Amino acid sequence: MDPQTRTELEAAAFRRLRAHLMEQRTDVQNIDMMNLAGFCRNCLSRWYQEAANERGIEMSKTEAREIYYGMPMDEWKARYQTEASAETQAAFKVAFAENVGTEEPGKGG
């Protein structure tokens, strides 16, 4: 497979993952994703931001999240985020530290 085709297929898979998480599975909470898989929607938006920044495109965390979520983060939370139990929140602190570790939980990810 040539490099251009590989890049196009990887981009298509990323777009499909984004659509799945943002349109079909809004019920799946970020905290549950982080606890089970070690990443969440915020991680995906951060990786998008990092890729842009590596290419000289200035993009803030807020801008990247709005691009990824398709709306401001506060709007997403109001529509889809539910309250997590104390046990789930404790597990998240561990998962966040193990998988992200660079920012305070709830501030990044």
N, C-alpha and C. Protein backbone atom coordinates (compact mmCIF):
# COMPACT_ATOMS: atom_id res chain seq x y z
N MET A 1 0.86 -1.18 0.00
CA MET A 1 0.00 0.00 0.00
C MET A 1 0.90 1.24 0.00
N ASP A 2 0.56 2.20 -0.83
CA ASP A 2 1.37 3.42 -0.90
C ASP A 2 1.05 4.33 0.29
N PRO A 3 1.98 5.21 0.67
CA PRO A 3 1.80 6.07 1.84
C PRO A 3 0.56 6.97 1.78
N GLN A 4 0.24 7.50 0.61
CA GLN A 4 -0.93 8.37 0.49
C GLN A 4 -2.22 7.60 0.77
N THR A 5 -2.32 6.40 0.22
CA THR A 5 -3.51 5.58 0.47
C THR A 5 -3.62 5.23 1.94
N ARG A 6 -2.50 4.87 2.55
CA ARG A 6 -2.49 4.55 3.99
C ARG A 6 -2.99 5.75 4.80
N THR A 7 -2.49 6.94 4.50
CA THR A 7 -2.92 8.16 5.20
C THR A 7 -4.41 8.40 5.02
N GLU A 8 -4.91 8.20 3.80
CA GLU A 8 -6.33 8.41 3.54
C GLU A 8 -7.19 7.40 4.30
N LEU A 9 -6.74 6.15 4.36
CA LEU A 9 -7.49 5.13 5.10
C LEU A 9 -7.47 5.41 6.61
N GLU A 10 -6.32 5.82 7.13
CA GLU A 10 -6.23 6.17 8.54
C GLU A 10 -7.14 7.36 8.87
N ALA A 11 -7.15 8.35 7.99
CA ALA A 11 -8.02 9.51 8.20
C ALA A 11 -9.49 9.11 8.15
N ALA A 12 -9.84 8.22 7.23
CA ALA A 12 -11.23 7.75 7.14
C ALA A 12 -11.62 6.99 8.41
N ALA A 13 -10.72 6.17 8.93
CA ALA A 13 -11.00 5.43 10.15
C ALA A 13 -11.17 6.39 11.33
N PHE A 14 -10.35 7.43 11.40
CA PHE A 14 -10.49 8.42 12.46
C PHE A 14 -11.83 9.14 12.36
N ARG A 15 -12.21 9.54 11.14
CA ARG A 15 -13.51 10.21 10.97
C ARG A 15 -14.66 9.30 11.38
N ARG A 16 -14.53 8.02 11.08
CA ARG A 16 -15.59 7.07 11.46
C ARG A 16 -15.66 6.89 12.97
N LEU A 17 -14.51 6.82 13.63
CA LEU A 17 -14.48 6.73 15.09
C LEU A 17 -15.11 7.96 15.70
N ARG A 18 -14.77 9.13 15.19
CA ARG A 18 -15.34 10.37 15.70
C ARG A 18 -16.86 10.36 15.53
N ALA A 19 -17.34 10.02 14.35
CA ALA A 19 -18.78 9.98 14.10
C ALA A 19 -19.47 8.98 15.02
N HIS A 20 -18.85 7.83 15.21
CA HIS A 20 -19.43 6.82 16.09
C HIS A 20 -19.58 7.36 17.51
N LEU A 21 -18.53 7.98 18.03
CA LEU A 21 -18.57 8.49 19.40
C LEU A 21 -19.45 9.73 19.55
N MET A 22 -19.52 10.55 18.52
CA MET A 22 -20.22 11.82 18.64
C MET A 22 -21.68 11.74 18.19
N GLU A 23 -22.03 10.73 17.39
CA GLU A 23 -23.38 10.65 16.86
C GLU A 23 -24.13 9.39 17.31
N GLN A 24 -23.47 8.25 17.23
CA GLN A 24 -24.16 7.01 17.58
C GLN A 24 -24.06 6.67 19.06
N ARG A 25 -22.98 7.04 19.73
CA ARG A 25 -22.77 6.60 21.12
C ARG A 25 -22.53 7.76 22.07
N THR A 26 -23.42 8.74 22.01
CA THR A 26 -23.34 9.86 22.95
C THR A 26 -23.61 9.40 24.38
N ASP A 27 -24.18 8.20 24.52
CA ASP A 27 -24.45 7.65 25.85
C ASP A 27 -23.19 7.16 26.56
N VAL A 28 -22.15 6.89 25.81
CA VAL A 28 -20.90 6.42 26.40
C VAL A 28 -20.16 7.62 26.99
N GLN A 29 -19.92 7.56 28.28
CA GLN A 29 -19.31 8.68 28.99
C GLN A 29 -17.79 8.66 28.83
N ASN A 30 -17.19 9.84 28.75
CA ASN A 30 -15.73 9.95 28.67
C ASN A 30 -15.05 9.25 29.84
N ILE A 31 -15.60 9.42 31.02
CA ILE A 31 -14.98 8.82 32.21
C ILE A 31 -14.95 7.30 32.10
N ASP A 32 -15.99 6.71 31.54
CA ASP A 32 -16.02 5.26 31.35
C ASP A 32 -15.01 4.83 30.29
N MET A 33 -14.90 5.61 29.23
CA MET A 33 -13.91 5.31 28.19
C MET A 33 -12.50 5.34 28.78
N MET A 34 -12.20 6.37 29.55
CA MET A 34 -10.88 6.48 30.14
C MET A 34 -10.60 5.31 31.09
N ASN A 35 -11.59 4.98 31.89
CA ASN A 35 -11.41 3.89 32.85
C ASN A 35 -11.20 2.54 32.15
N LEU A 36 -11.89 2.32 31.05
CA LEU A 36 -11.79 1.02 30.36
C LEU A 36 -10.69 0.96 29.31
N ALA A 37 -10.50 2.06 28.57
CA ALA A 37 -9.61 2.02 27.42
C ALA A 37 -8.36 2.89 27.56
N GLY A 38 -8.35 3.79 28.55
CA GLY A 38 -7.19 4.64 28.73
C GLY A 38 -7.17 5.86 27.84
N PHE A 39 -8.28 6.14 27.17
CA PHE A 39 -8.43 7.36 26.38
C PHE A 39 -9.90 7.70 26.29
N CYS A 40 -10.18 8.95 25.89
CA CYS A 40 -11.57 9.39 25.75
C CYS A 40 -11.65 10.41 24.63
N ARG A 41 -12.80 11.01 24.47
CA ARG A 41 -12.99 12.03 23.43
C ARG A 41 -12.03 13.20 23.62
N ASN A 42 -11.78 13.58 24.88
CA ASN A 42 -10.85 14.68 25.12
C ASN A 42 -9.44 14.32 24.68
N CYS A 43 -9.04 13.08 24.86
CA CYS A 43 -7.73 12.63 24.38
C CYS A 43 -7.66 12.75 22.86
N LEU A 44 -8.71 12.30 22.19
CA LEU A 44 -8.74 12.38 20.74
C LEU A 44 -8.64 13.83 20.26
N SER A 45 -9.34 14.74 20.94
CA SER A 45 -9.25 16.15 20.54
C SER A 45 -7.86 16.71 20.85
N ARG A 46 -7.24 16.25 21.94
CA ARG A 46 -5.88 16.69 22.26
C ARG A 46 -4.89 16.19 21.22
N TRP A 47 -5.04 14.94 20.80
CA TRP A 47 -4.16 14.40 19.77
C TRP A 47 -4.32 15.17 18.46
N TYR A 48 -5.53 15.57 18.16
CA TYR A 48 -5.80 16.40 16.97
C TYR A 48 -5.07 17.73 17.11
N GLN A 49 -5.18 18.36 18.27
CA GLN A 49 -4.50 19.63 18.54
C GLN A 49 -2.99 19.47 18.41
N GLU A 50 -2.45 18.43 19.00
CA GLU A 50 -1.01 18.20 18.94
C GLU A 50 -0.54 18.01 17.50
N ALA A 51 -1.30 17.28 16.70
CA ALA A 51 -0.95 17.08 15.29
C ALA A 51 -0.95 18.41 14.55
N ALA A 52 -1.95 19.25 14.83
CA ALA A 52 -2.00 20.57 14.19
C ALA A 52 -0.81 21.41 14.61
N ASN A 53 -0.53 21.45 15.91
CA ASN A 53 0.59 22.24 16.41
C ASN A 53 1.92 21.77 15.85
N GLU A 54 2.10 20.46 15.69
CA GLU A 54 3.33 19.91 15.11
C GLU A 54 3.53 20.37 13.67
N ARG A 55 2.43 20.71 13.00
CA ARG A 55 2.51 21.18 11.61
C ARG A 55 2.49 22.70 11.51
N GLY A 56 2.66 23.36 12.65
CA GLY A 56 2.71 24.82 12.66
C GLY A 56 1.36 25.49 12.65
N ILE A 57 0.30 24.75 12.89
CA ILE A 57 -1.05 25.31 12.95
C ILE A 57 -1.37 25.58 14.41
N GLU A 58 -1.55 26.86 14.75
CA GLU A 58 -1.89 27.22 16.12
C GLU A 58 -3.32 26.79 16.42
N MET A 59 -3.47 26.02 17.48
CA MET A 59 -4.80 25.56 17.87
C MET A 59 -4.79 25.35 19.38
N SER A 60 -5.75 25.95 20.06
CA SER A 60 -5.86 25.79 21.50
C SER A 60 -6.62 24.51 21.82
N LYS A 61 -6.56 24.11 23.10
CA LYS A 61 -7.32 22.95 23.55
C LYS A 61 -8.81 23.19 23.33
N THR A 62 -9.26 24.40 23.63
CA THR A 62 -10.68 24.74 23.46
C THR A 62 -11.09 24.64 22.00
N GLU A 63 -10.26 25.16 21.11
CA GLU A 63 -10.57 25.09 19.67
C GLU A 63 -10.60 23.64 19.19
N ALA A 64 -9.63 22.85 19.62
CA ALA A 64 -9.58 21.45 19.20
C ALA A 64 -10.80 20.68 19.69
N ARG A 65 -11.21 20.94 20.92
CA ARG A 65 -12.38 20.25 21.45
C ARG A 65 -13.64 20.65 20.69
N GLU A 66 -13.77 21.92 20.36
CA GLU A 66 -14.95 22.35 19.61
C GLU A 66 -14.97 21.73 18.21
N ILE A 67 -13.81 21.61 17.58
CA ILE A 67 -13.73 20.94 16.28
C ILE A 67 -14.12 19.47 16.43
N TYR A 68 -13.55 18.81 17.43
CA TYR A 68 -13.81 17.38 17.60
C TYR A 68 -15.25 17.11 18.02
N TYR A 69 -15.73 17.86 19.02
CA TYR A 69 -17.08 17.65 19.54
C TYR A 69 -18.16 18.21 18.61
N GLY A 70 -17.80 19.15 17.75
CA GLY A 70 -18.79 19.76 16.86
C GLY A 70 -19.65 20.80 17.56
N MET A 71 -19.23 21.20 18.76
CA MET A 71 -19.95 22.19 19.56
C MET A 71 -19.04 22.55 20.73
N PRO A 72 -19.35 23.65 21.41
CA PRO A 72 -18.57 23.97 22.60
C PRO A 72 -18.68 22.86 23.65
N MET A 73 -17.61 22.65 24.38
CA MET A 73 -17.56 21.58 25.38
C MET A 73 -18.68 21.71 26.41
N ASP A 74 -18.97 22.93 26.85
CA ASP A 74 -20.05 23.12 27.83
C ASP A 74 -21.39 22.64 27.28
N GLU A 75 -21.62 22.86 26.00
CA GLU A 75 -22.87 22.40 25.39
C GLU A 75 -22.92 20.87 25.35
N TRP A 76 -21.79 20.25 24.98
CA TRP A 76 -21.73 18.78 24.97
C TRP A 76 -22.04 18.22 26.36
N LYS A 77 -21.40 18.78 27.37
CA LYS A 77 -21.61 18.30 28.73
C LYS A 77 -23.08 18.44 29.14
N ALA A 78 -23.68 19.58 28.82
CA ALA A 78 -25.09 19.81 29.19
C ALA A 78 -26.01 18.81 28.50
N ARG A 79 -25.69 18.46 27.27
CA ARG A 79 -26.54 17.53 26.52
C ARG A 79 -26.36 16.07 26.92
N TYR A 80 -25.09 15.67 27.14
CA TYR A 80 -24.80 14.23 27.21
C TYR A 80 -24.12 13.73 28.47
N GLN A 81 -23.45 14.59 29.21
CA GLN A 81 -22.69 14.08 30.36
C GLN A 81 -23.59 13.81 31.54
N THR A 82 -23.38 12.66 32.17
CA THR A 82 -24.14 12.29 33.36
C THR A 82 -23.21 12.29 34.57
N GLU A 83 -23.80 12.25 35.74
CA GLU A 83 -23.02 12.24 36.98
C GLU A 83 -22.35 10.89 37.16
N ALA A 84 -21.07 10.92 37.53
CA ALA A 84 -20.33 9.68 37.77
C ALA A 84 -20.32 9.38 39.27
N SER A 85 -20.36 8.11 39.58
CA SER A 85 -20.32 7.69 40.99
C SER A 85 -18.94 7.99 41.58
N ALA A 86 -18.86 7.98 42.89
CA ALA A 86 -17.58 8.20 43.57
C ALA A 86 -16.58 7.12 43.18
N GLU A 87 -17.05 5.89 43.03
CA GLU A 87 -16.18 4.78 42.63
C GLU A 87 -15.63 5.00 41.22
N THR A 88 -16.48 5.43 40.30
CA THR A 88 -16.05 5.70 38.93
C THR A 88 -15.06 6.85 38.89
N GLN A 89 -15.31 7.88 39.69
CA GLN A 89 -14.39 9.02 39.74
C GLN A 89 -13.02 8.61 40.30
N ALA A 90 -13.01 7.75 41.30
CA ALA A 90 -11.74 7.27 41.87
C ALA A 90 -10.97 6.46 40.84
N ALA A 91 -11.67 5.59 40.11
CA ALA A 91 -11.02 4.80 39.07
C ALA A 91 -10.47 5.69 37.97
N PHE A 92 -11.20 6.78 37.67
CA PHE A 92 -10.75 7.73 36.65
C PHE A 92 -9.42 8.37 37.05
N LYS A 93 -9.27 8.75 38.30
CA LYS A 93 -8.02 9.37 38.76
C LYS A 93 -6.83 8.44 38.49
N VAL A 94 -7.02 7.17 38.75
CA VAL A 94 -5.96 6.18 38.50
C VAL A 94 -5.71 6.05 37.00
N ALA A 95 -6.77 5.87 36.22
CA ALA A 95 -6.63 5.71 34.77
C ALA A 95 -6.00 6.94 34.13
N PHE A 96 -6.41 8.11 34.59
CA PHE A 96 -5.87 9.36 34.04
C PHE A 96 -4.38 9.44 34.33
N ALA A 97 -3.99 9.18 35.55
CA ALA A 97 -2.57 9.25 35.92
C ALA A 97 -1.74 8.25 35.11
N GLU A 98 -2.29 7.05 34.89
CA GLU A 98 -1.56 6.03 34.15
C GLU A 98 -1.47 6.32 32.66
N ASN A 99 -2.48 6.98 32.09
CA ASN A 99 -2.55 7.12 30.64
C ASN A 99 -2.27 8.53 30.13
N VAL A 100 -2.51 9.54 30.94
CA VAL A 100 -2.29 10.91 30.52
C VAL A 100 -1.23 11.54 31.41
N GLY A 101 -1.55 11.64 32.67
CA GLY A 101 -0.60 12.06 33.68
C GLY A 101 -0.05 13.46 33.60
N THR A 102 -0.38 14.23 32.56
CA THR A 102 0.23 15.54 32.40
C THR A 102 -0.62 16.69 32.88
N GLU A 103 -1.89 16.46 33.10
CA GLU A 103 -2.79 17.52 33.53
C GLU A 103 -3.70 16.98 34.62
N GLU A 104 -4.28 17.87 35.34
CA GLU A 104 -5.22 17.50 36.38
C GLU A 104 -6.50 16.94 35.76
N PRO A 105 -7.01 15.80 36.26
CA PRO A 105 -8.25 15.26 35.70
C PRO A 105 -9.35 16.32 35.69
N GLY A 106 -10.10 16.32 34.61
CA GLY A 106 -11.16 17.30 34.45
C GLY A 106 -10.69 18.55 33.75
N LYS A 107 -9.39 18.75 33.70
CA LYS A 107 -8.83 19.93 33.03
C LYS A 107 -8.29 19.59 31.66
N GLY A 108 -7.98 18.34 31.41
CA GLY A 108 -7.38 17.96 30.14
C GLY A 108 -7.87 16.60 29.72
N GLY A 109 -6.91 15.77 29.30
CA GLY A 109 -7.30 14.40 29.01
C GLY A 109 -7.40 14.08 27.62
